[in-house]
Amino acid sequence: MPESDRTKLQQLFTGDLPGIREHLKMTPYRALTKALPAKRREGAVLLLLFQRNGEWYFPLMQRHDYKGVHANQISFPGGKSEKEDTSKYETALRETKEEIGIEQHKIEWIGELSEIYIPPSNFMVSAFVGCYTEEPFFVKEEKEVKEIIEVRVSDLLKPEIVKETQVTVQGGLKLKTPYLELNNQVVWGATAAILAEFKALVLAQNELFR
């Protein structure tokens, strides 16, 4: 990756992060959360930028249908912090390698987005942005990943992808929520909130993706 592109990417993180303001645009129901539990699990995800045919992309994953609160949902590669991880960023790199087969040494650090709490699974998630130094070849972990979805950053920037739907959450509760329509998939919840913050940074500070 040219040094000029790397510098432009890292410039996204030179100012204050919009954090909760952007998170709430995609998850307005989070405003009802009064306090975080004292005991919660820690995890990390990676928004991995890469170029294909001259365009910028990032991968998302669809999880399998299983007995769990995040079954079938679209997410970033990532997961629970383990004892052997020396940092949250290392958690994100390890999980990315395990889930979509990406070599860690080919990922360049770009920056860190705001943490986000996920009530259904009681996770506090750290979100990182990295850049792959070459065109990637993804290999999904069959037990955890149903599909790998390559999303154009230019599509993320389109205002018309923000829509509204009703989803069924834990306990059969019906929840009306905004979502992002990306590659004909419904991207909602924490993943949509993280993408909303990244999108705000790009639109405010950077012309690399336009």
N, C-alpha and C. Protein backbone atom coordinates (compact mmCIF):
# COMPACT_ATOMS: atom_id res chain seq x y z
N MET A 1 0.85 -1.19 0.00
CA MET A 1 0.00 0.00 0.00
C MET A 1 0.88 1.24 0.00
N PRO A 2 0.59 2.21 -0.88
CA PRO A 2 1.39 3.43 -0.91
C PRO A 2 1.38 4.14 0.45
N GLU A 3 2.50 4.74 0.79
CA GLU A 3 2.61 5.45 2.06
C GLU A 3 1.58 6.57 2.16
N SER A 4 1.27 7.20 1.01
CA SER A 4 0.29 8.29 1.03
C SER A 4 -1.09 7.78 1.43
N ASP A 5 -1.46 6.59 0.96
CA ASP A 5 -2.75 6.02 1.33
C ASP A 5 -2.79 5.66 2.80
N ARG A 6 -1.71 5.08 3.30
CA ARG A 6 -1.64 4.72 4.71
C ARG A 6 -1.78 5.95 5.59
N THR A 7 -1.12 7.03 5.19
CA THR A 7 -1.19 8.27 5.96
C THR A 7 -2.62 8.82 5.96
N LYS A 8 -3.28 8.79 4.82
CA LYS A 8 -4.66 9.28 4.73
C LYS A 8 -5.59 8.45 5.61
N LEU A 9 -5.39 7.14 5.63
CA LEU A 9 -6.20 6.28 6.48
C LEU A 9 -5.99 6.60 7.95
N GLN A 10 -4.75 6.75 8.34
CA GLN A 10 -4.45 7.01 9.75
C GLN A 10 -4.92 8.39 10.19
N GLN A 11 -5.05 9.31 9.24
CA GLN A 11 -5.55 10.64 9.56
C GLN A 11 -7.01 10.62 10.00
N LEU A 12 -7.72 9.55 9.68
CA LEU A 12 -9.10 9.42 10.15
C LEU A 12 -9.19 9.48 11.67
N PHE A 13 -8.11 9.09 12.33
CA PHE A 13 -8.14 8.92 13.79
C PHE A 13 -7.36 9.99 14.53
N THR A 14 -7.09 11.12 13.87
CA THR A 14 -6.32 12.17 14.52
C THR A 14 -7.19 13.08 15.40
N GLY A 15 -8.49 13.07 15.20
CA GLY A 15 -9.38 13.90 16.01
C GLY A 15 -10.19 13.09 16.99
N ASP A 16 -11.19 13.72 17.58
CA ASP A 16 -12.08 13.03 18.51
C ASP A 16 -13.00 12.07 17.75
N LEU A 17 -13.27 10.94 18.37
CA LEU A 17 -14.20 9.99 17.76
C LEU A 17 -15.64 10.38 18.05
N PRO A 18 -16.54 10.19 17.08
CA PRO A 18 -17.95 10.54 17.32
C PRO A 18 -18.67 9.57 18.23
N GLY A 19 -18.15 8.35 18.36
CA GLY A 19 -18.63 7.38 19.34
C GLY A 19 -20.12 7.20 19.43
N ILE A 20 -20.64 7.42 20.65
CA ILE A 20 -22.03 7.09 20.97
C ILE A 20 -23.01 7.85 20.08
N ARG A 21 -22.66 9.06 19.65
CA ARG A 21 -23.56 9.83 18.80
C ARG A 21 -23.89 9.07 17.52
N GLU A 22 -22.87 8.49 16.89
CA GLU A 22 -23.09 7.71 15.67
C GLU A 22 -23.68 6.34 15.98
N HIS A 23 -23.25 5.74 17.10
CA HIS A 23 -23.82 4.44 17.49
C HIS A 23 -25.34 4.52 17.62
N LEU A 24 -25.81 5.59 18.25
CA LEU A 24 -27.25 5.72 18.51
C LEU A 24 -28.08 5.92 17.24
N LYS A 25 -27.45 6.39 16.18
CA LYS A 25 -28.19 6.55 14.92
C LYS A 25 -28.64 5.20 14.39
N MET A 26 -27.85 4.16 14.63
CA MET A 26 -28.20 2.83 14.16
C MET A 26 -28.77 1.95 15.25
N THR A 27 -28.60 2.34 16.50
CA THR A 27 -29.13 1.56 17.62
C THR A 27 -29.78 2.50 18.64
N PRO A 28 -30.85 3.19 18.26
CA PRO A 28 -31.46 4.17 19.16
C PRO A 28 -31.96 3.57 20.47
N TYR A 29 -32.28 2.28 20.47
CA TYR A 29 -32.75 1.61 21.68
C TYR A 29 -31.67 1.54 22.76
N ARG A 30 -30.39 1.75 22.39
CA ARG A 30 -29.32 1.73 23.38
C ARG A 30 -29.41 2.91 24.35
N ALA A 31 -30.15 3.94 23.96
CA ALA A 31 -30.32 5.09 24.86
C ALA A 31 -31.05 4.69 26.14
N LEU A 32 -31.72 3.54 26.10
CA LEU A 32 -32.46 3.07 27.28
C LEU A 32 -31.55 2.37 28.29
N THR A 33 -30.33 2.05 27.88
CA THR A 33 -29.38 1.39 28.79
C THR A 33 -28.88 2.39 29.82
N LYS A 34 -29.20 2.16 31.08
CA LYS A 34 -28.87 3.12 32.13
C LYS A 34 -27.45 2.96 32.66
N ALA A 35 -27.00 1.71 32.82
CA ALA A 35 -25.67 1.47 33.38
C ALA A 35 -25.15 0.14 32.87
N LEU A 36 -23.83 0.06 32.74
CA LEU A 36 -23.22 -1.19 32.30
C LEU A 36 -23.01 -2.11 33.50
N PRO A 37 -23.16 -3.41 33.31
CA PRO A 37 -22.92 -4.33 34.42
C PRO A 37 -21.45 -4.35 34.83
N ALA A 38 -21.20 -4.54 36.11
CA ALA A 38 -19.83 -4.55 36.61
C ALA A 38 -19.03 -5.71 36.03
N LYS A 39 -19.69 -6.85 35.86
CA LYS A 39 -19.03 -8.02 35.29
C LYS A 39 -19.51 -8.21 33.85
N ARG A 40 -18.59 -8.14 32.93
CA ARG A 40 -18.93 -8.32 31.52
C ARG A 40 -17.76 -8.96 30.80
N ARG A 41 -18.05 -9.58 29.69
CA ARG A 41 -17.01 -10.22 28.91
C ARG A 41 -16.35 -9.21 27.96
N GLU A 42 -15.11 -9.49 27.60
CA GLU A 42 -14.35 -8.59 26.74
C GLU A 42 -14.09 -9.26 25.40
N GLY A 43 -14.19 -8.47 24.34
CA GLY A 43 -13.94 -9.00 23.01
C GLY A 43 -13.46 -7.91 22.07
N ALA A 44 -13.15 -8.30 20.85
CA ALA A 44 -12.65 -7.33 19.87
C ALA A 44 -13.01 -7.78 18.46
N VAL A 45 -13.19 -6.81 17.57
CA VAL A 45 -13.48 -7.08 16.16
C VAL A 45 -12.55 -6.24 15.30
N LEU A 46 -12.47 -6.62 14.02
CA LEU A 46 -11.58 -5.91 13.09
C LEU A 46 -12.35 -5.51 11.84
N LEU A 47 -12.29 -4.22 11.52
CA LEU A 47 -12.76 -3.71 10.24
C LEU A 47 -11.52 -3.69 9.34
N LEU A 48 -11.44 -4.66 8.45
CA LEU A 48 -10.24 -4.88 7.64
C LEU A 48 -10.42 -4.29 6.24
N LEU A 49 -9.70 -3.23 5.95
CA LEU A 49 -9.76 -2.61 4.64
C LEU A 49 -8.80 -3.30 3.68
N PHE A 50 -9.23 -3.44 2.43
CA PHE A 50 -8.35 -3.99 1.40
C PHE A 50 -8.80 -3.47 0.05
N GLN A 51 -7.92 -3.59 -0.93
CA GLN A 51 -8.24 -3.14 -2.28
C GLN A 51 -8.39 -4.32 -3.22
N ARG A 52 -9.41 -4.24 -4.08
CA ARG A 52 -9.60 -5.23 -5.13
C ARG A 52 -10.03 -4.49 -6.40
N ASN A 53 -9.28 -4.69 -7.46
CA ASN A 53 -9.57 -4.02 -8.75
C ASN A 53 -9.68 -2.50 -8.58
N GLY A 54 -8.81 -1.95 -7.74
CA GLY A 54 -8.75 -0.51 -7.58
C GLY A 54 -9.79 0.09 -6.66
N GLU A 55 -10.63 -0.76 -6.03
CA GLU A 55 -11.66 -0.27 -5.11
C GLU A 55 -11.39 -0.75 -3.70
N TRP A 56 -11.82 0.04 -2.73
CA TRP A 56 -11.67 -0.32 -1.32
C TRP A 56 -12.85 -1.15 -0.85
N TYR A 57 -12.54 -2.20 -0.09
CA TYR A 57 -13.55 -3.11 0.45
C TYR A 57 -13.25 -3.38 1.92
N PHE A 58 -14.20 -4.04 2.58
CA PHE A 58 -13.97 -4.66 3.88
C PHE A 58 -14.84 -5.92 3.97
N PRO A 59 -14.42 -6.94 4.71
CA PRO A 59 -15.22 -8.16 4.82
C PRO A 59 -16.15 -8.14 6.03
N LEU A 60 -17.34 -8.67 5.82
CA LEU A 60 -18.24 -9.01 6.91
C LEU A 60 -18.51 -10.51 6.82
N MET A 61 -19.06 -11.08 7.88
CA MET A 61 -19.37 -12.50 7.90
C MET A 61 -20.82 -12.71 8.29
N GLN A 62 -21.41 -13.75 7.74
CA GLN A 62 -22.71 -14.20 8.25
C GLN A 62 -22.47 -15.46 9.08
N ARG A 63 -22.99 -15.45 10.29
CA ARG A 63 -22.83 -16.61 11.16
C ARG A 63 -23.91 -17.64 10.87
N HIS A 64 -23.64 -18.86 11.26
CA HIS A 64 -24.59 -19.95 11.04
C HIS A 64 -25.81 -19.79 11.94
N ASP A 65 -26.84 -20.54 11.62
CA ASP A 65 -28.03 -20.62 12.46
C ASP A 65 -27.75 -21.60 13.60
N TYR A 66 -27.66 -21.08 14.80
CA TYR A 66 -27.35 -21.91 15.96
C TYR A 66 -28.15 -21.41 17.16
N LYS A 67 -28.06 -22.12 18.26
CA LYS A 67 -28.78 -21.70 19.46
C LYS A 67 -27.96 -20.64 20.19
N GLY A 68 -28.19 -19.41 19.83
CA GLY A 68 -27.44 -18.31 20.42
C GLY A 68 -28.05 -16.99 20.01
N VAL A 69 -27.68 -15.93 20.71
CA VAL A 69 -28.32 -14.63 20.50
C VAL A 69 -27.89 -13.97 19.18
N HIS A 70 -26.78 -14.42 18.61
CA HIS A 70 -26.29 -13.79 17.38
C HIS A 70 -26.39 -14.71 16.17
N ALA A 71 -27.24 -15.73 16.24
CA ALA A 71 -27.40 -16.67 15.13
C ALA A 71 -27.82 -15.95 13.86
N ASN A 72 -27.20 -16.32 12.74
CA ASN A 72 -27.53 -15.81 11.40
C ASN A 72 -27.18 -14.34 11.18
N GLN A 73 -26.67 -13.68 12.16
CA GLN A 73 -26.41 -12.24 12.03
C GLN A 73 -25.14 -11.97 11.23
N ILE A 74 -25.08 -10.75 10.69
CA ILE A 74 -23.90 -10.28 9.96
C ILE A 74 -22.99 -9.57 10.96
N SER A 75 -21.71 -9.89 10.93
CA SER A 75 -20.78 -9.32 11.91
C SER A 75 -19.40 -9.12 11.28
N PHE A 76 -18.54 -8.45 12.02
CA PHE A 76 -17.13 -8.40 11.68
C PHE A 76 -16.45 -9.68 12.16
N PRO A 77 -15.30 -10.03 11.59
CA PRO A 77 -14.50 -11.06 12.23
C PRO A 77 -14.07 -10.57 13.61
N GLY A 78 -14.13 -11.46 14.58
CA GLY A 78 -13.79 -11.07 15.95
C GLY A 78 -14.40 -12.01 16.95
N GLY A 79 -14.10 -11.78 18.21
CA GLY A 79 -14.64 -12.66 19.24
C GLY A 79 -14.09 -12.36 20.62
N LYS A 80 -14.17 -13.35 21.47
CA LYS A 80 -13.84 -13.22 22.88
C LYS A 80 -12.32 -13.15 23.10
N SER A 81 -11.91 -12.26 24.01
CA SER A 81 -10.51 -12.19 24.40
C SER A 81 -10.13 -13.44 25.18
N GLU A 82 -8.96 -13.98 24.88
CA GLU A 82 -8.44 -15.16 25.56
C GLU A 82 -7.23 -14.78 26.39
N LYS A 83 -6.87 -15.66 27.33
CA LYS A 83 -5.76 -15.37 28.26
C LYS A 83 -4.45 -15.14 27.53
N GLU A 84 -4.26 -15.82 26.40
CA GLU A 84 -2.99 -15.70 25.69
C GLU A 84 -2.88 -14.40 24.89
N ASP A 85 -3.98 -13.68 24.71
CA ASP A 85 -3.93 -12.42 23.98
C ASP A 85 -3.28 -11.34 24.83
N THR A 86 -2.29 -10.66 24.26
CA THR A 86 -1.59 -9.61 25.01
C THR A 86 -2.30 -8.26 24.93
N SER A 87 -3.28 -8.14 24.02
CA SER A 87 -4.03 -6.90 23.87
C SER A 87 -5.34 -7.20 23.17
N LYS A 88 -6.25 -6.23 23.18
CA LYS A 88 -7.51 -6.39 22.46
C LYS A 88 -7.26 -6.45 20.95
N TYR A 89 -6.27 -5.69 20.49
CA TYR A 89 -5.94 -5.73 19.07
C TYR A 89 -5.48 -7.13 18.67
N GLU A 90 -4.70 -7.77 19.52
CA GLU A 90 -4.26 -9.13 19.24
C GLU A 90 -5.45 -10.08 19.20
N THR A 91 -6.44 -9.84 20.05
CA THR A 91 -7.67 -10.63 19.98
C THR A 91 -8.31 -10.51 18.61
N ALA A 92 -8.42 -9.27 18.12
CA ALA A 92 -9.04 -9.04 16.82
C ALA A 92 -8.25 -9.72 15.70
N LEU A 93 -6.93 -9.64 15.75
CA LEU A 93 -6.10 -10.28 14.73
C LEU A 93 -6.22 -11.80 14.78
N ARG A 94 -6.18 -12.37 15.97
CA ARG A 94 -6.27 -13.82 16.12
C ARG A 94 -7.60 -14.34 15.60
N GLU A 95 -8.69 -13.67 15.98
CA GLU A 95 -10.01 -14.10 15.55
C GLU A 95 -10.18 -13.94 14.04
N THR A 96 -9.60 -12.90 13.47
CA THR A 96 -9.68 -12.70 12.03
C THR A 96 -8.96 -13.82 11.29
N LYS A 97 -7.81 -14.23 11.80
CA LYS A 97 -7.08 -15.36 11.23
C LYS A 97 -7.92 -16.64 11.33
N GLU A 98 -8.52 -16.87 12.49
CA GLU A 98 -9.28 -18.10 12.70
C GLU A 98 -10.54 -18.15 11.85
N GLU A 99 -11.22 -17.02 11.70
CA GLU A 99 -12.54 -17.03 11.07
C GLU A 99 -12.51 -16.86 9.55
N ILE A 100 -11.57 -16.04 9.04
CA ILE A 100 -11.57 -15.81 7.59
C ILE A 100 -10.20 -16.06 6.96
N GLY A 101 -9.26 -16.62 7.73
CA GLY A 101 -8.01 -17.10 7.16
C GLY A 101 -7.01 -16.06 6.73
N ILE A 102 -7.03 -14.89 7.36
CA ILE A 102 -6.15 -13.79 6.97
C ILE A 102 -4.87 -13.81 7.80
N GLU A 103 -3.72 -13.70 7.13
CA GLU A 103 -2.43 -13.71 7.82
C GLU A 103 -2.23 -12.42 8.61
N GLN A 104 -1.92 -12.56 9.90
CA GLN A 104 -1.81 -11.40 10.78
C GLN A 104 -0.68 -10.46 10.38
N HIS A 105 0.44 -11.00 9.93
CA HIS A 105 1.61 -10.16 9.65
C HIS A 105 1.41 -9.29 8.40
N LYS A 106 0.33 -9.53 7.66
CA LYS A 106 0.04 -8.73 6.48
C LYS A 106 -1.00 -7.63 6.76
N ILE A 107 -1.36 -7.47 8.02
CA ILE A 107 -2.33 -6.45 8.40
C ILE A 107 -1.60 -5.27 9.05
N GLU A 108 -1.82 -4.08 8.54
CA GLU A 108 -1.22 -2.88 9.11
C GLU A 108 -2.25 -2.16 9.99
N TRP A 109 -1.80 -1.78 11.17
CA TRP A 109 -2.64 -1.02 12.10
C TRP A 109 -3.01 0.32 11.49
N ILE A 110 -4.31 0.68 11.57
CA ILE A 110 -4.77 1.99 11.12
C ILE A 110 -5.29 2.82 12.30
N GLY A 111 -6.15 2.23 13.12
CA GLY A 111 -6.67 2.99 14.27
C GLY A 111 -7.68 2.19 15.05
N GLU A 112 -8.21 2.81 16.09
CA GLU A 112 -9.19 2.17 16.96
C GLU A 112 -10.45 3.03 17.04
N LEU A 113 -11.60 2.39 16.85
CA LEU A 113 -12.89 3.04 16.99
C LEU A 113 -13.36 2.96 18.43
N SER A 114 -14.53 3.50 18.72
CA SER A 114 -15.05 3.51 20.08
C SER A 114 -15.51 2.12 20.51
N GLU A 115 -15.37 1.83 21.78
CA GLU A 115 -15.92 0.59 22.33
C GLU A 115 -17.44 0.61 22.25
N ILE A 116 -18.01 -0.58 22.21
CA ILE A 116 -19.46 -0.68 22.20
C ILE A 116 -19.88 -1.88 23.04
N TYR A 117 -20.92 -1.68 23.84
CA TYR A 117 -21.42 -2.75 24.70
C TYR A 117 -22.58 -3.46 24.00
N ILE A 118 -22.57 -4.80 24.07
CA ILE A 118 -23.61 -5.61 23.44
C ILE A 118 -24.38 -6.33 24.55
N PRO A 119 -25.55 -5.81 24.93
CA PRO A 119 -26.30 -6.37 26.08
C PRO A 119 -26.69 -7.84 25.96
N PRO A 120 -27.20 -8.33 24.80
CA PRO A 120 -27.66 -9.72 24.76
C PRO A 120 -26.60 -10.74 25.14
N SER A 121 -25.34 -10.47 24.76
CA SER A 121 -24.27 -11.41 25.09
C SER A 121 -23.33 -10.88 26.16
N ASN A 122 -23.63 -9.70 26.71
CA ASN A 122 -22.84 -9.09 27.79
C ASN A 122 -21.36 -8.94 27.41
N PHE A 123 -21.13 -8.43 26.22
CA PHE A 123 -19.77 -8.19 25.74
C PHE A 123 -19.49 -6.71 25.61
N MET A 124 -18.33 -6.28 26.09
CA MET A 124 -17.79 -4.97 25.76
C MET A 124 -16.78 -5.20 24.64
N VAL A 125 -17.08 -4.62 23.47
CA VAL A 125 -16.29 -4.92 22.28
C VAL A 125 -15.44 -3.73 21.86
N SER A 126 -14.15 -3.99 21.68
CA SER A 126 -13.23 -3.00 21.11
C SER A 126 -13.20 -3.21 19.60
N ALA A 127 -13.26 -2.11 18.85
CA ALA A 127 -13.31 -2.19 17.38
C ALA A 127 -12.08 -1.52 16.79
N PHE A 128 -11.36 -2.27 15.95
CA PHE A 128 -10.14 -1.78 15.35
C PHE A 128 -10.27 -1.72 13.83
N VAL A 129 -9.46 -0.86 13.23
CA VAL A 129 -9.39 -0.76 11.78
C VAL A 129 -7.97 -1.11 11.36
N GLY A 130 -7.86 -2.05 10.42
CA GLY A 130 -6.57 -2.42 9.87
C GLY A 130 -6.65 -2.43 8.35
N CYS A 131 -5.51 -2.54 7.71
CA CYS A 131 -5.46 -2.56 6.24
C CYS A 131 -4.59 -3.72 5.79
N TYR A 132 -5.12 -4.53 4.87
CA TYR A 132 -4.35 -5.64 4.35
C TYR A 132 -3.40 -5.13 3.28
N THR A 133 -2.16 -5.61 3.31
CA THR A 133 -1.12 -5.05 2.44
C THR A 133 -1.17 -5.57 1.02
N GLU A 134 -2.02 -6.56 0.76
CA GLU A 134 -2.17 -7.07 -0.60
C GLU A 134 -3.61 -7.54 -0.79
N GLU A 135 -3.96 -7.94 -1.99
CA GLU A 135 -5.32 -8.44 -2.21
C GLU A 135 -5.49 -9.77 -1.47
N PRO A 136 -6.52 -9.89 -0.62
CA PRO A 136 -6.64 -11.07 0.23
C PRO A 136 -7.29 -12.26 -0.46
N PHE A 137 -7.00 -13.43 0.06
CA PHE A 137 -7.71 -14.65 -0.30
C PHE A 137 -8.32 -15.20 0.98
N PHE A 138 -9.63 -15.14 1.08
CA PHE A 138 -10.31 -15.51 2.32
C PHE A 138 -10.59 -17.02 2.37
N VAL A 139 -10.42 -17.57 3.55
CA VAL A 139 -10.76 -18.97 3.81
C VAL A 139 -11.63 -19.00 5.06
N LYS A 140 -12.91 -19.32 4.91
CA LYS A 140 -13.81 -19.26 6.05
C LYS A 140 -13.67 -20.49 6.95
N GLU A 141 -13.88 -20.27 8.23
CA GLU A 141 -13.91 -21.34 9.21
C GLU A 141 -15.32 -21.94 9.16
N GLU A 142 -15.44 -23.13 8.61
CA GLU A 142 -16.74 -23.69 8.26
C GLU A 142 -17.70 -23.80 9.44
N LYS A 143 -17.20 -24.08 10.63
CA LYS A 143 -18.07 -24.28 11.78
C LYS A 143 -18.69 -22.98 12.27
N GLU A 144 -17.98 -21.86 12.06
CA GLU A 144 -18.45 -20.58 12.60
C GLU A 144 -19.01 -19.64 11.54
N VAL A 145 -18.54 -19.76 10.31
CA VAL A 145 -18.85 -18.77 9.29
C VAL A 145 -19.65 -19.41 8.16
N LYS A 146 -20.84 -18.90 7.94
CA LYS A 146 -21.69 -19.37 6.84
C LYS A 146 -21.27 -18.75 5.52
N GLU A 147 -20.93 -17.46 5.54
CA GLU A 147 -20.58 -16.76 4.31
C GLU A 147 -19.69 -15.57 4.63
N ILE A 148 -18.74 -15.29 3.75
CA ILE A 148 -17.93 -14.09 3.83
C ILE A 148 -18.45 -13.10 2.79
N ILE A 149 -18.70 -11.87 3.21
CA ILE A 149 -19.32 -10.86 2.36
C ILE A 149 -18.34 -9.72 2.15
N GLU A 150 -17.97 -9.46 0.91
CA GLU A 150 -17.04 -8.38 0.60
C GLU A 150 -17.84 -7.12 0.24
N VAL A 151 -17.71 -6.08 1.05
CA VAL A 151 -18.50 -4.86 0.90
C VAL A 151 -17.63 -3.71 0.41
N ARG A 152 -18.10 -3.01 -0.61
CA ARG A 152 -17.39 -1.82 -1.07
C ARG A 152 -17.57 -0.68 -0.06
N VAL A 153 -16.49 0.01 0.25
CA VAL A 153 -16.60 1.18 1.12
C VAL A 153 -17.48 2.24 0.46
N SER A 154 -17.40 2.35 -0.85
CA SER A 154 -18.24 3.33 -1.55
C SER A 154 -19.72 3.06 -1.35
N ASP A 155 -20.11 1.79 -1.21
CA ASP A 155 -21.51 1.47 -0.93
C ASP A 155 -21.91 1.89 0.48
N LEU A 156 -20.99 1.73 1.43
CA LEU A 156 -21.26 2.14 2.81
C LEU A 156 -21.56 3.64 2.88
N LEU A 157 -20.97 4.43 2.01
CA LEU A 157 -21.12 5.88 2.06
C LEU A 157 -22.43 6.38 1.46
N LYS A 158 -23.18 5.50 0.80
CA LYS A 158 -24.43 5.92 0.17
C LYS A 158 -25.53 6.13 1.22
N PRO A 159 -26.20 7.27 1.22
CA PRO A 159 -27.25 7.51 2.23
C PRO A 159 -28.44 6.59 2.11
N GLU A 160 -28.72 6.09 0.91
CA GLU A 160 -29.93 5.28 0.71
C GLU A 160 -29.83 3.88 1.31
N ILE A 161 -28.67 3.48 1.80
CA ILE A 161 -28.57 2.13 2.39
C ILE A 161 -29.14 2.09 3.81
N VAL A 162 -29.40 3.24 4.42
CA VAL A 162 -29.96 3.28 5.78
C VAL A 162 -31.47 3.09 5.69
N LYS A 163 -31.96 2.00 6.26
CA LYS A 163 -33.38 1.67 6.19
C LYS A 163 -33.87 1.25 7.57
N GLU A 164 -35.10 0.80 7.64
CA GLU A 164 -35.68 0.40 8.93
C GLU A 164 -36.41 -0.93 8.77
N THR A 165 -36.31 -1.77 9.79
CA THR A 165 -36.97 -3.06 9.76
C THR A 165 -37.37 -3.47 11.17
N GLN A 166 -37.96 -4.64 11.26
CA GLN A 166 -38.31 -5.22 12.55
C GLN A 166 -37.60 -6.56 12.68
N VAL A 167 -36.90 -6.75 13.78
CA VAL A 167 -36.19 -8.00 14.01
C VAL A 167 -36.72 -8.66 15.28
N THR A 168 -36.55 -9.96 15.35
CA THR A 168 -36.93 -10.71 16.54
C THR A 168 -35.68 -10.98 17.36
N VAL A 169 -35.67 -10.54 18.60
CA VAL A 169 -34.49 -10.69 19.45
C VAL A 169 -34.78 -11.72 20.55
N GLN A 170 -33.86 -11.82 21.48
CA GLN A 170 -33.94 -12.82 22.55
C GLN A 170 -35.29 -12.74 23.28
N GLY A 171 -35.90 -13.90 23.48
CA GLY A 171 -37.19 -13.95 24.16
C GLY A 171 -38.36 -13.72 23.24
N GLY A 172 -38.10 -13.63 21.92
CA GLY A 172 -39.18 -13.42 20.97
C GLY A 172 -39.65 -11.99 20.85
N LEU A 173 -38.95 -11.07 21.49
CA LEU A 173 -39.33 -9.66 21.44
C LEU A 173 -39.12 -9.09 20.04
N LYS A 174 -40.11 -8.34 19.54
CA LYS A 174 -40.02 -7.68 18.25
C LYS A 174 -39.42 -6.29 18.44
N LEU A 175 -38.37 -6.00 17.69
CA LEU A 175 -37.66 -4.74 17.85
C LEU A 175 -37.60 -4.00 16.52
N LYS A 176 -38.08 -2.76 16.53
CA LYS A 176 -38.00 -1.90 15.35
C LYS A 176 -36.64 -1.20 15.38
N THR A 177 -35.90 -1.32 14.29
CA THR A 177 -34.53 -0.80 14.32
C THR A 177 -34.08 -0.32 12.94
N PRO A 178 -33.21 0.69 12.90
CA PRO A 178 -32.54 1.03 11.64
C PRO A 178 -31.58 -0.11 11.26
N TYR A 179 -31.25 -0.17 9.99
CA TYR A 179 -30.23 -1.13 9.55
C TYR A 179 -29.56 -0.61 8.30
N LEU A 180 -28.45 -1.23 7.93
CA LEU A 180 -27.74 -0.91 6.70
C LEU A 180 -27.97 -2.04 5.71
N GLU A 181 -28.41 -1.71 4.52
CA GLU A 181 -28.56 -2.72 3.48
C GLU A 181 -27.28 -2.75 2.65
N LEU A 182 -26.48 -3.78 2.88
CA LEU A 182 -25.20 -3.93 2.21
C LEU A 182 -25.15 -5.29 1.52
N ASN A 183 -24.91 -5.31 0.23
CA ASN A 183 -24.87 -6.56 -0.54
C ASN A 183 -26.15 -7.36 -0.34
N ASN A 184 -27.28 -6.66 -0.28
CA ASN A 184 -28.61 -7.27 -0.10
C ASN A 184 -28.75 -8.00 1.25
N GLN A 185 -27.93 -7.62 2.21
CA GLN A 185 -27.99 -8.19 3.55
C GLN A 185 -28.45 -7.13 4.55
N VAL A 186 -29.13 -7.57 5.60
CA VAL A 186 -29.55 -6.68 6.69
C VAL A 186 -28.45 -6.65 7.75
N VAL A 187 -27.79 -5.51 7.86
CA VAL A 187 -26.71 -5.33 8.84
C VAL A 187 -27.22 -4.40 9.92
N TRP A 188 -27.38 -4.92 11.13
CA TRP A 188 -27.96 -4.12 12.20
C TRP A 188 -27.18 -4.33 13.50
N GLY A 189 -27.66 -3.70 14.56
CA GLY A 189 -27.04 -3.88 15.87
C GLY A 189 -25.65 -3.28 15.97
N ALA A 190 -24.77 -3.93 16.73
CA ALA A 190 -23.44 -3.39 16.99
C ALA A 190 -22.63 -3.23 15.71
N THR A 191 -22.78 -4.16 14.77
CA THR A 191 -22.02 -4.06 13.52
C THR A 191 -22.41 -2.79 12.76
N ALA A 192 -23.69 -2.51 12.68
CA ALA A 192 -24.16 -1.29 12.02
C ALA A 192 -23.69 -0.05 12.76
N ALA A 193 -23.67 -0.11 14.09
CA ALA A 193 -23.23 1.04 14.88
C ALA A 193 -21.75 1.34 14.65
N ILE A 194 -20.92 0.30 14.62
CA ILE A 194 -19.49 0.48 14.35
C ILE A 194 -19.27 1.05 12.96
N LEU A 195 -20.01 0.53 11.98
CA LEU A 195 -19.89 1.04 10.62
C LEU A 195 -20.35 2.49 10.51
N ALA A 196 -21.35 2.86 11.29
CA ALA A 196 -21.83 4.25 11.28
C ALA A 196 -20.74 5.20 11.76
N GLU A 197 -19.99 4.79 12.77
CA GLU A 197 -18.90 5.64 13.26
C GLU A 197 -17.79 5.74 12.22
N PHE A 198 -17.42 4.62 11.63
CA PHE A 198 -16.39 4.64 10.59
C PHE A 198 -16.82 5.51 9.41
N LYS A 199 -18.06 5.38 9.01
CA LYS A 199 -18.60 6.17 7.90
C LYS A 199 -18.52 7.66 8.21
N ALA A 200 -18.85 8.04 9.43
CA ALA A 200 -18.81 9.45 9.82
C ALA A 200 -17.39 10.00 9.74
N LEU A 201 -16.41 9.20 10.15
CA LEU A 201 -15.02 9.63 10.07
C LEU A 201 -14.59 9.84 8.62
N VAL A 202 -14.97 8.91 7.77
CA VAL A 202 -14.60 9.00 6.35
C VAL A 202 -15.23 10.23 5.70
N LEU A 203 -16.49 10.44 5.94
CA LEU A 203 -17.19 11.57 5.31
C LEU A 203 -16.68 12.91 5.81
N ALA A 204 -16.25 12.96 7.07
CA ALA A 204 -15.82 14.22 7.66
C ALA A 204 -14.38 14.60 7.32
N GLN A 205 -13.53 13.58 7.12
CA GLN A 205 -12.11 13.87 7.10
C GLN A 205 -11.32 13.38 5.89
N ASN A 206 -11.91 12.55 5.07
CA ASN A 206 -11.07 11.83 4.13
C ASN A 206 -11.70 11.73 2.76
N GLU A 207 -10.89 11.84 1.71
CA GLU A 207 -11.37 11.70 0.34
C GLU A 207 -10.81 10.45 -0.34
N LEU A 208 -10.14 9.61 0.40
CA LEU A 208 -9.49 8.44 -0.18
C LEU A 208 -10.50 7.49 -0.82
N PHE A 209 -11.71 7.40 -0.25
CA PHE A 209 -12.69 6.42 -0.70
C PHE A 209 -13.70 6.99 -1.70
N ARG A 210 -13.58 8.24 -2.07
CA ARG A 210 -14.58 8.86 -2.92
C ARG A 210 -14.18 8.81 -4.39
